[in-house]
Amino acid sequence: MRFAAALRGSGVMTPREALRIVLRPEHLRRTIKIALVVGTILTLINQLDIIVKGDATTLTWLKCALNYCVPFIVSNLGLLAGKRAAAEHDRAA
């Protein structure tokens, strides 16, 4: 517990704090929308020809799923980076 308390003053976010932020409904709505749009575009660019030909394998569908996971993770990391920068700015003021 002392470790978490020490982190609070250092500007480092704990995993629990990060989850609390990314699981807020308003943040989830935004990050899921981003993942759906970007994931669909990536799937169309990278896998559409294979799917249309009917040659999609389990690996193809796994790649399609990852096309949605990556932008979801990246948008959440951006959200957390923004929250951390805002907190640091508030501390400096």
Protein backbone atom coordinates (compact mmCIF):
# COMPACT_ATOMS: atom_id res chain seq x y z
CA MET A 1 0.00 0.00 0.00
CA ARG A 2 2.88 2.39 0.68
CA PHE A 3 4.04 1.90 -2.91
CA ALA A 4 0.67 3.09 -4.29
CA ALA A 5 0.72 6.08 -1.96
CA ALA A 6 4.21 7.00 -3.14
CA LEU A 7 3.08 6.78 -6.76
CA ARG A 8 0.18 9.17 -6.16
CA GLY A 9 2.49 12.07 -5.49
CA SER A 10 4.80 11.21 -8.38
CA GLY A 11 2.25 11.61 -11.19
CA VAL A 12 2.32 7.89 -11.99
CA MET A 13 -1.12 6.37 -12.48
CA THR A 14 -1.87 3.03 -10.85
CA PRO A 15 -3.56 0.28 -12.88
CA ARG A 16 -6.70 0.62 -10.76
CA GLU A 17 -6.87 4.37 -11.47
CA ALA A 18 -6.33 3.74 -15.17
CA LEU A 19 -9.15 1.18 -15.30
CA ARG A 20 -11.46 3.53 -13.44
CA ILE A 21 -10.84 6.18 -16.12
CA VAL A 22 -11.10 3.97 -19.22
CA LEU A 23 -14.23 2.18 -17.96
CA ARG A 24 -16.22 5.39 -17.52
CA PRO A 25 -19.23 5.21 -19.87
CA GLU A 26 -18.42 8.47 -21.68
CA HIS A 27 -14.87 7.28 -22.35
CA LEU A 28 -15.96 3.81 -23.44
CA ARG A 29 -18.46 5.29 -25.90
CA ARG A 30 -15.69 7.31 -27.53
CA THR A 31 -12.99 4.61 -27.57
CA ILE A 32 -15.40 1.95 -28.86
CA LYS A 33 -16.55 4.26 -31.67
CA ILE A 34 -12.93 4.88 -32.62
CA ALA A 35 -12.19 1.15 -32.58
CA LEU A 36 -15.23 0.36 -34.73
CA VAL A 37 -14.41 2.97 -37.37
CA VAL A 38 -10.65 2.35 -37.53
CA GLY A 39 -11.01 -1.43 -37.19
CA THR A 40 -13.52 -1.58 -40.04
CA ILE A 41 -11.29 0.51 -42.29
CA LEU A 42 -8.26 -1.66 -41.48
CA THR A 43 -10.25 -4.84 -42.12
CA LEU A 44 -11.50 -3.51 -45.46
CA ILE A 45 -7.99 -2.54 -46.50
CA ASN A 46 -6.21 -5.67 -45.31
CA GLN A 47 -8.67 -8.58 -45.44
CA LEU A 48 -11.61 -7.74 -47.70
CA ASP A 49 -10.29 -9.57 -50.78
CA ILE A 50 -9.73 -12.78 -48.81
CA ILE A 51 -13.16 -12.59 -47.18
CA VAL A 52 -14.96 -11.85 -50.46
CA LYS A 53 -13.23 -14.77 -52.19
CA GLY A 54 -14.39 -17.05 -49.40
CA ASP A 55 -10.83 -17.97 -48.46
CA ALA A 56 -11.00 -16.64 -44.89
CA THR A 57 -9.40 -18.94 -42.35
CA THR A 58 -9.37 -18.80 -38.57
CA LEU A 59 -6.18 -16.76 -38.83
CA THR A 60 -7.92 -14.26 -41.11
CA TRP A 61 -10.73 -13.78 -38.58
CA LEU A 62 -8.18 -13.43 -35.77
CA LYS A 63 -6.47 -10.68 -37.76
CA CYS A 64 -9.85 -8.99 -38.24
CA ALA A 65 -10.44 -9.06 -34.48
CA LEU A 66 -7.02 -7.55 -33.86
CA ASN A 67 -7.90 -4.76 -36.30
CA TYR A 68 -10.47 -3.67 -33.70
CA CYS A 69 -8.37 -4.35 -30.58
CA VAL A 70 -5.39 -2.24 -31.60
CA PRO A 71 -7.24 1.09 -32.11
CA PHE A 72 -9.22 0.45 -28.90
CA ILE A 73 -5.99 0.05 -26.93
CA VAL A 74 -4.29 2.99 -28.63
CA SER A 75 -7.25 5.31 -28.04
CA ASN A 76 -7.32 4.32 -24.37
CA LEU A 77 -3.59 4.97 -24.05
CA GLY A 78 -4.14 8.40 -25.59
CA LEU A 79 -6.95 9.06 -23.13
CA LEU A 80 -4.74 8.10 -20.20
CA ALA A 81 -1.84 10.19 -21.49
CA GLY A 82 -4.16 13.19 -21.76
CA LYS A 83 -5.50 12.68 -18.24
CA ARG A 84 -1.97 12.39 -16.88
CA ALA A 85 -0.82 15.55 -18.69
CA ALA A 86 -3.84 17.44 -17.35
CA ALA A 87 -3.08 16.27 -13.82
CA GLU A 88 0.57 17.33 -14.15
CA HIS A 89 -0.51 20.71 -15.50
CA ASP A 90 -2.90 21.16 -12.56
CA ARG A 91 -0.12 20.28 -10.10
CA ALA A 92 2.25 22.79 -11.72
CA ALA A 93 -0.32 25.60 -11.57
